[in-house]
Amino acid sequence: MDNTSNNKGRFFSQYWGQEIMRFKFWENSQQSRIIDPPLAEGSTYIELKSLSSITDEDAVVLADIMGYPNDERCIEAWGRDRITHAKKRADIFWDDAFTNGIKLWQALDYLRSKSYALPYMGLPVETQIEYGWVKLTCK
């Protein structure tokens, strides 16, 4: 995918309504704007969280969506509790797209709603950062 304002606007639209869009001159500011794809030109970018920093609370929701079993069965199957399992799987769970279908898309929508950086139409997060569309935050 090319680094065009049209593609950037489509990418930004996934996060519609969240206060995560910034302009370069706002970098040291606490101000942000609600996502508005037509403004996805020039120096705008969005601040997202890395999946490696997924919270326990979000991991529980992710485990519920994906249908991971309770802790006892999870430990038996994978040698770890369901929160740890969900956190370990978060970076790679799109590999389950063909086996979990609807659950996967619900999980992706949930993670987007919580401002996590996710691949977009084959464009990895690293490339989104390289294009200047995304900056990872520790929030």
N, C-alpha and C. Protein backbone atom coordinates (compact mmCIF):
# COMPACT_ATOMS: atom_id res chain seq x y z
N MET A 1 0.84 -1.18 0.00
CA MET A 1 0.00 0.00 0.00
C MET A 1 0.89 1.24 0.00
N ASP A 2 0.56 2.15 -0.88
CA ASP A 2 1.34 3.38 -0.99
C ASP A 2 0.99 4.37 0.11
N ASN A 3 1.94 5.24 0.40
CA ASN A 3 1.78 6.28 1.42
C ASN A 3 1.12 7.50 0.78
N THR A 4 -0.22 7.45 0.62
CA THR A 4 -0.96 8.56 0.04
C THR A 4 -1.95 9.10 1.08
N SER A 5 -2.39 10.34 0.90
CA SER A 5 -3.36 10.91 1.84
C SER A 5 -4.69 10.17 1.76
N ASN A 6 -5.03 9.62 0.60
CA ASN A 6 -6.25 8.85 0.46
C ASN A 6 -6.19 7.56 1.30
N ASN A 7 -5.08 6.83 1.19
CA ASN A 7 -4.89 5.61 1.99
C ASN A 7 -4.82 5.94 3.48
N LYS A 8 -4.14 7.03 3.79
CA LYS A 8 -4.03 7.46 5.18
C LYS A 8 -5.41 7.78 5.76
N GLY A 9 -6.26 8.45 4.99
CA GLY A 9 -7.62 8.77 5.42
C GLY A 9 -8.44 7.52 5.67
N ARG A 10 -8.29 6.53 4.80
CA ARG A 10 -9.00 5.25 5.00
C ARG A 10 -8.51 4.56 6.26
N PHE A 11 -7.21 4.58 6.46
CA PHE A 11 -6.64 3.98 7.67
C PHE A 11 -7.16 4.70 8.91
N PHE A 12 -7.13 6.03 8.91
CA PHE A 12 -7.61 6.82 10.05
C PHE A 12 -9.08 6.52 10.36
N SER A 13 -9.88 6.25 9.33
CA SER A 13 -11.31 6.06 9.55
C SER A 13 -11.62 4.86 10.45
N GLN A 14 -10.70 3.91 10.58
CA GLN A 14 -10.90 2.79 11.50
C GLN A 14 -11.02 3.24 12.95
N TYR A 15 -10.42 4.37 13.24
CA TYR A 15 -10.37 4.87 14.62
C TYR A 15 -11.32 6.06 14.80
N TRP A 16 -12.30 6.18 13.91
CA TRP A 16 -13.26 7.27 13.90
C TRP A 16 -13.83 7.53 15.29
N GLY A 17 -13.85 8.79 15.70
CA GLY A 17 -14.48 9.18 16.96
C GLY A 17 -13.58 9.11 18.18
N GLN A 18 -12.36 8.60 18.05
CA GLN A 18 -11.46 8.52 19.19
C GLN A 18 -10.55 9.75 19.22
N GLU A 19 -10.23 10.23 20.41
CA GLU A 19 -9.36 11.41 20.54
C GLU A 19 -7.90 10.99 20.53
N ILE A 20 -7.41 10.62 19.36
CA ILE A 20 -6.03 10.15 19.26
C ILE A 20 -5.27 10.79 18.11
N MET A 21 -5.89 11.69 17.36
CA MET A 21 -5.22 12.32 16.23
C MET A 21 -4.43 13.54 16.70
N ARG A 22 -3.24 13.68 16.19
CA ARG A 22 -2.38 14.81 16.56
C ARG A 22 -1.74 15.40 15.30
N PHE A 23 -1.32 16.63 15.45
CA PHE A 23 -0.53 17.28 14.42
C PHE A 23 0.89 17.39 14.95
N LYS A 24 1.87 17.41 14.09
CA LYS A 24 3.26 17.43 14.55
C LYS A 24 3.53 18.59 15.50
N PHE A 25 2.92 19.74 15.28
CA PHE A 25 3.20 20.87 16.18
C PHE A 25 2.53 20.71 17.53
N TRP A 26 1.74 19.66 17.72
CA TRP A 26 1.12 19.39 19.02
C TRP A 26 1.92 18.38 19.84
N GLU A 27 3.01 17.89 19.31
CA GLU A 27 3.72 16.78 19.93
C GLU A 27 3.93 16.91 21.43
N ASN A 28 4.28 18.08 21.91
CA ASN A 28 4.55 18.25 23.34
C ASN A 28 3.32 18.73 24.09
N SER A 29 2.19 18.68 23.44
CA SER A 29 0.94 19.16 24.02
C SER A 29 0.08 17.99 24.48
N GLN A 30 -0.81 18.25 25.39
CA GLN A 30 -1.77 17.24 25.83
C GLN A 30 -3.04 17.27 24.98
N GLN A 31 -3.10 18.19 24.03
CA GLN A 31 -4.28 18.32 23.18
C GLN A 31 -4.31 17.22 22.13
N SER A 32 -5.51 16.82 21.79
CA SER A 32 -5.69 15.90 20.68
C SER A 32 -7.02 16.23 20.01
N ARG A 33 -7.24 15.63 18.87
CA ARG A 33 -8.49 15.86 18.15
C ARG A 33 -9.18 14.53 17.93
N ILE A 34 -10.47 14.60 17.80
CA ILE A 34 -11.23 13.41 17.42
C ILE A 34 -10.89 13.11 15.96
N ILE A 35 -10.74 11.82 15.67
CA ILE A 35 -10.40 11.40 14.31
C ILE A 35 -11.41 11.95 13.30
N ASP A 36 -10.87 12.55 12.24
CA ASP A 36 -11.67 13.07 11.15
C ASP A 36 -10.88 12.79 9.87
N PRO A 37 -11.21 11.69 9.15
CA PRO A 37 -10.40 11.29 8.00
C PRO A 37 -10.06 12.39 7.01
N PRO A 38 -10.96 13.37 6.73
CA PRO A 38 -10.54 14.42 5.80
C PRO A 38 -9.33 15.23 6.31
N LEU A 39 -9.09 15.19 7.61
CA LEU A 39 -7.92 15.91 8.15
C LEU A 39 -6.66 15.05 8.14
N ALA A 40 -6.72 13.88 7.53
CA ALA A 40 -5.60 12.95 7.54
C ALA A 40 -4.56 13.30 6.48
N GLU A 41 -4.26 14.56 6.35
CA GLU A 41 -3.28 15.00 5.37
C GLU A 41 -2.10 15.64 6.08
N GLY A 42 -1.03 15.76 5.36
CA GLY A 42 0.14 16.46 5.89
C GLY A 42 0.72 15.83 7.13
N SER A 43 0.85 16.64 8.17
CA SER A 43 1.60 16.23 9.35
C SER A 43 0.76 15.54 10.43
N THR A 44 -0.49 15.19 10.13
CA THR A 44 -1.30 14.53 11.14
C THR A 44 -0.85 13.09 11.33
N TYR A 45 -1.02 12.60 12.55
CA TYR A 45 -0.75 11.20 12.87
C TYR A 45 -1.65 10.82 14.02
N ILE A 46 -1.75 9.53 14.28
CA ILE A 46 -2.53 9.10 15.42
C ILE A 46 -1.64 8.36 16.41
N GLU A 47 -1.94 8.58 17.67
CA GLU A 47 -1.20 7.92 18.75
C GLU A 47 -1.95 6.66 19.16
N LEU A 48 -1.28 5.53 19.05
CA LEU A 48 -1.87 4.25 19.38
C LEU A 48 -0.98 3.50 20.36
N LYS A 49 -1.57 2.52 21.02
CA LYS A 49 -0.83 1.69 21.96
C LYS A 49 -0.35 0.43 21.25
N SER A 50 0.82 -0.05 21.65
CA SER A 50 1.35 -1.30 21.13
C SER A 50 0.60 -2.47 21.75
N LEU A 51 0.35 -3.50 20.95
CA LEU A 51 -0.30 -4.70 21.51
C LEU A 51 0.53 -5.35 22.59
N SER A 52 1.83 -5.11 22.57
CA SER A 52 2.68 -5.69 23.61
C SER A 52 2.40 -5.07 24.98
N SER A 53 1.68 -3.95 24.99
CA SER A 53 1.35 -3.30 26.27
C SER A 53 -0.12 -3.51 26.65
N ILE A 54 -0.74 -4.56 26.11
CA ILE A 54 -2.16 -4.82 26.39
C ILE A 54 -2.38 -4.99 27.89
N THR A 55 -3.42 -4.37 28.40
CA THR A 55 -3.71 -4.42 29.83
C THR A 55 -4.38 -5.75 30.19
N ASP A 56 -4.33 -6.09 31.48
CA ASP A 56 -5.01 -7.31 31.93
C ASP A 56 -6.50 -7.22 31.63
N GLU A 57 -7.08 -6.05 31.86
CA GLU A 57 -8.52 -5.86 31.61
C GLU A 57 -8.86 -6.13 30.15
N ASP A 58 -8.06 -5.58 29.23
CA ASP A 58 -8.31 -5.81 27.80
C ASP A 58 -8.03 -7.25 27.41
N ALA A 59 -7.05 -7.87 28.04
CA ALA A 59 -6.75 -9.28 27.77
C ALA A 59 -7.90 -10.19 28.20
N VAL A 60 -8.57 -9.85 29.30
CA VAL A 60 -9.73 -10.62 29.75
C VAL A 60 -10.85 -10.54 28.71
N VAL A 61 -11.12 -9.33 28.23
CA VAL A 61 -12.17 -9.15 27.22
C VAL A 61 -11.79 -9.91 25.95
N LEU A 62 -10.53 -9.81 25.55
CA LEU A 62 -10.05 -10.51 24.36
C LEU A 62 -10.21 -12.03 24.54
N ALA A 63 -9.86 -12.54 25.70
CA ALA A 63 -10.01 -13.98 25.98
C ALA A 63 -11.48 -14.39 25.91
N ASP A 64 -12.37 -13.55 26.43
CA ASP A 64 -13.80 -13.84 26.37
C ASP A 64 -14.29 -13.87 24.92
N ILE A 65 -13.89 -12.86 24.13
CA ILE A 65 -14.32 -12.80 22.74
C ILE A 65 -13.83 -14.03 21.97
N MET A 66 -12.57 -14.38 22.18
CA MET A 66 -11.97 -15.49 21.44
C MET A 66 -12.40 -16.85 21.98
N GLY A 67 -13.10 -16.86 23.11
CA GLY A 67 -13.61 -18.11 23.65
C GLY A 67 -12.56 -18.98 24.30
N TYR A 68 -11.50 -18.35 24.82
CA TYR A 68 -10.49 -19.13 25.53
C TYR A 68 -11.13 -19.72 26.78
N PRO A 69 -10.79 -20.96 27.11
CA PRO A 69 -11.43 -21.61 28.26
C PRO A 69 -11.02 -20.99 29.58
N ASN A 70 -11.71 -21.43 30.65
CA ASN A 70 -11.37 -20.92 31.99
C ASN A 70 -9.93 -21.27 32.33
N ASP A 71 -9.42 -20.69 33.41
CA ASP A 71 -8.01 -20.85 33.76
C ASP A 71 -7.56 -22.30 33.88
N GLU A 72 -8.38 -23.14 34.50
CA GLU A 72 -7.98 -24.53 34.71
C GLU A 72 -7.76 -25.24 33.37
N ARG A 73 -8.73 -25.10 32.46
CA ARG A 73 -8.60 -25.73 31.14
C ARG A 73 -7.51 -25.06 30.31
N CYS A 74 -7.35 -23.76 30.45
CA CYS A 74 -6.32 -23.03 29.71
C CYS A 74 -4.93 -23.48 30.16
N ILE A 75 -4.75 -23.61 31.47
CA ILE A 75 -3.46 -24.06 32.00
C ILE A 75 -3.18 -25.47 31.52
N GLU A 76 -4.20 -26.31 31.51
CA GLU A 76 -4.05 -27.69 31.05
C GLU A 76 -3.65 -27.71 29.57
N ALA A 77 -4.29 -26.88 28.75
CA ALA A 77 -4.04 -26.88 27.30
C ALA A 77 -2.75 -26.17 26.92
N TRP A 78 -2.49 -25.01 27.52
CA TRP A 78 -1.37 -24.18 27.07
C TRP A 78 -0.33 -23.89 28.14
N GLY A 79 -0.56 -24.35 29.36
CA GLY A 79 0.42 -24.15 30.42
C GLY A 79 0.45 -22.75 30.98
N ARG A 80 -0.64 -21.99 30.79
CA ARG A 80 -0.71 -20.63 31.33
C ARG A 80 -2.17 -20.23 31.51
N ASP A 81 -2.41 -19.24 32.39
CA ASP A 81 -3.77 -18.77 32.62
C ASP A 81 -4.27 -18.02 31.39
N ARG A 82 -5.58 -17.79 31.33
CA ARG A 82 -6.18 -17.22 30.12
C ARG A 82 -5.74 -15.79 29.85
N ILE A 83 -5.46 -14.99 30.87
CA ILE A 83 -4.99 -13.62 30.64
C ILE A 83 -3.61 -13.67 29.98
N THR A 84 -2.71 -14.48 30.54
CA THR A 84 -1.38 -14.61 29.96
C THR A 84 -1.47 -15.15 28.54
N HIS A 85 -2.35 -16.12 28.34
CA HIS A 85 -2.51 -16.70 27.00
C HIS A 85 -3.01 -15.64 26.01
N ALA A 86 -4.00 -14.86 26.41
CA ALA A 86 -4.53 -13.81 25.53
C ALA A 86 -3.45 -12.78 25.22
N LYS A 87 -2.64 -12.42 26.21
CA LYS A 87 -1.56 -11.45 25.97
C LYS A 87 -0.52 -12.02 25.00
N LYS A 88 -0.18 -13.29 25.17
CA LYS A 88 0.81 -13.92 24.28
C LYS A 88 0.28 -14.03 22.85
N ARG A 89 -1.02 -14.28 22.71
CA ARG A 89 -1.63 -14.46 21.40
C ARG A 89 -1.96 -13.13 20.72
N ALA A 90 -2.03 -12.04 21.47
CA ALA A 90 -2.50 -10.76 20.92
C ALA A 90 -1.72 -10.34 19.68
N ASP A 91 -0.41 -10.50 19.69
CA ASP A 91 0.40 -10.07 18.55
C ASP A 91 0.24 -10.95 17.32
N ILE A 92 -0.26 -12.18 17.50
CA ILE A 92 -0.32 -13.11 16.36
C ILE A 92 -1.70 -13.67 16.11
N PHE A 93 -2.72 -13.22 16.84
CA PHE A 93 -4.00 -13.90 16.74
C PHE A 93 -4.71 -13.72 15.41
N TRP A 94 -4.27 -12.81 14.52
CA TRP A 94 -4.91 -12.74 13.19
C TRP A 94 -4.61 -13.99 12.39
N ASP A 95 -3.62 -14.78 12.83
CA ASP A 95 -3.37 -16.08 12.18
C ASP A 95 -4.59 -16.98 12.33
N ASP A 96 -5.45 -16.69 13.32
CA ASP A 96 -6.66 -17.48 13.55
C ASP A 96 -7.82 -17.04 12.66
N ALA A 97 -7.59 -16.12 11.73
CA ALA A 97 -8.69 -15.53 10.96
C ALA A 97 -9.58 -16.58 10.30
N PHE A 98 -8.98 -17.61 9.77
CA PHE A 98 -9.79 -18.59 9.05
C PHE A 98 -10.46 -19.59 9.99
N THR A 99 -9.94 -19.73 11.20
CA THR A 99 -10.55 -20.69 12.13
C THR A 99 -11.55 -20.02 13.07
N ASN A 100 -11.40 -18.74 13.34
CA ASN A 100 -12.28 -18.08 14.30
C ASN A 100 -13.18 -17.01 13.69
N GLY A 101 -13.04 -16.71 12.41
CA GLY A 101 -13.91 -15.80 11.68
C GLY A 101 -14.46 -14.62 12.45
N ILE A 102 -15.75 -14.68 12.78
CA ILE A 102 -16.46 -13.57 13.43
C ILE A 102 -15.78 -13.17 14.73
N LYS A 103 -15.34 -14.13 15.51
CA LYS A 103 -14.68 -13.83 16.78
C LYS A 103 -13.45 -12.96 16.55
N LEU A 104 -12.69 -13.29 15.52
CA LEU A 104 -11.49 -12.52 15.22
C LEU A 104 -11.85 -11.07 14.92
N TRP A 105 -12.86 -10.84 14.09
CA TRP A 105 -13.22 -9.48 13.71
C TRP A 105 -13.79 -8.71 14.90
N GLN A 106 -14.50 -9.40 15.78
CA GLN A 106 -14.97 -8.75 17.01
C GLN A 106 -13.78 -8.35 17.88
N ALA A 107 -12.78 -9.22 17.95
CA ALA A 107 -11.59 -8.92 18.74
C ALA A 107 -10.83 -7.73 18.16
N LEU A 108 -10.69 -7.71 16.83
CA LEU A 108 -10.00 -6.59 16.18
C LEU A 108 -10.74 -5.28 16.42
N ASP A 109 -12.06 -5.31 16.29
CA ASP A 109 -12.85 -4.10 16.54
C ASP A 109 -12.69 -3.64 17.99
N TYR A 110 -12.68 -4.58 18.92
CA TYR A 110 -12.50 -4.22 20.33
C TYR A 110 -11.13 -3.57 20.54
N LEU A 111 -10.08 -4.18 19.99
CA LEU A 111 -8.73 -3.63 20.17
C LEU A 111 -8.61 -2.25 19.53
N ARG A 112 -9.23 -2.05 18.35
CA ARG A 112 -9.23 -0.72 17.73
C ARG A 112 -9.94 0.28 18.63
N SER A 113 -11.05 -0.14 19.24
CA SER A 113 -11.82 0.78 20.09
C SER A 113 -11.03 1.19 21.32
N LYS A 114 -10.01 0.42 21.67
CA LYS A 114 -9.15 0.72 22.81
C LYS A 114 -7.83 1.35 22.35
N SER A 115 -7.76 1.75 21.09
CA SER A 115 -6.62 2.48 20.51
C SER A 115 -5.33 1.67 20.44
N TYR A 116 -5.44 0.37 20.12
CA TYR A 116 -4.24 -0.44 19.89
C TYR A 116 -3.88 -0.39 18.42
N ALA A 117 -2.58 -0.36 18.14
CA ALA A 117 -2.10 -0.36 16.76
C ALA A 117 -2.23 -1.77 16.19
N LEU A 118 -2.83 -1.87 15.00
CA LEU A 118 -3.05 -3.16 14.35
C LEU A 118 -2.67 -3.06 12.88
N PRO A 119 -2.27 -4.19 12.29
CA PRO A 119 -2.01 -4.16 10.85
C PRO A 119 -3.27 -3.72 10.10
N TYR A 120 -3.08 -3.13 8.94
CA TYR A 120 -4.20 -2.63 8.13
C TYR A 120 -4.00 -3.03 6.67
N MET A 121 -4.87 -3.85 6.16
CA MET A 121 -4.84 -4.28 4.75
C MET A 121 -3.43 -4.70 4.31
N GLY A 122 -2.80 -5.51 5.11
CA GLY A 122 -1.47 -6.01 4.79
C GLY A 122 -0.34 -5.05 5.16
N LEU A 123 -0.67 -3.90 5.70
CA LEU A 123 0.33 -2.90 6.08
C LEU A 123 0.68 -3.08 7.56
N PRO A 124 1.86 -3.59 7.85
CA PRO A 124 2.22 -3.82 9.26
C PRO A 124 2.36 -2.51 10.03
N VAL A 125 2.23 -2.61 11.33
CA VAL A 125 2.34 -1.45 12.21
C VAL A 125 3.67 -0.73 11.99
N GLU A 126 4.74 -1.48 11.79
CA GLU A 126 6.06 -0.88 11.58
C GLU A 126 6.05 0.06 10.37
N THR A 127 5.35 -0.33 9.31
CA THR A 127 5.27 0.50 8.11
C THR A 127 4.39 1.72 8.36
N GLN A 128 3.32 1.55 9.13
CA GLN A 128 2.46 2.68 9.49
C GLN A 128 3.28 3.73 10.23
N ILE A 129 4.18 3.26 11.10
CA ILE A 129 5.07 4.17 11.84
C ILE A 129 6.04 4.84 10.87
N GLU A 130 6.62 4.05 9.98
CA GLU A 130 7.56 4.58 8.99
C GLU A 130 6.89 5.64 8.10
N TYR A 131 5.63 5.42 7.72
CA TYR A 131 4.89 6.38 6.91
C TYR A 131 4.54 7.65 7.68
N GLY A 132 4.66 7.61 9.00
CA GLY A 132 4.31 8.77 9.81
C GLY A 132 2.82 8.83 10.15
N TRP A 133 2.09 7.75 9.93
CA TRP A 133 0.67 7.71 10.23
C TRP A 133 0.41 7.45 11.70
N VAL A 134 1.34 6.73 12.34
CA VAL A 134 1.16 6.26 13.73
C VAL A 134 2.40 6.56 14.54
N LYS A 135 2.17 6.92 15.79
CA LYS A 135 3.22 6.96 16.80
C LYS A 135 2.71 6.13 17.96
N LEU A 136 3.56 5.24 18.45
CA LEU A 136 3.17 4.41 19.59
C LEU A 136 3.34 5.21 20.87
N THR A 137 2.38 5.04 21.76
CA THR A 137 2.40 5.74 23.03
C THR A 137 2.40 4.73 24.16
N CYS A 138 2.83 5.14 25.32
CA CYS A 138 2.88 4.26 26.48
C CYS A 138 1.63 4.37 27.34
N LYS A 139 0.67 5.17 26.94
CA LYS A 139 -0.54 5.41 27.75
C LYS A 139 -1.35 4.15 27.91
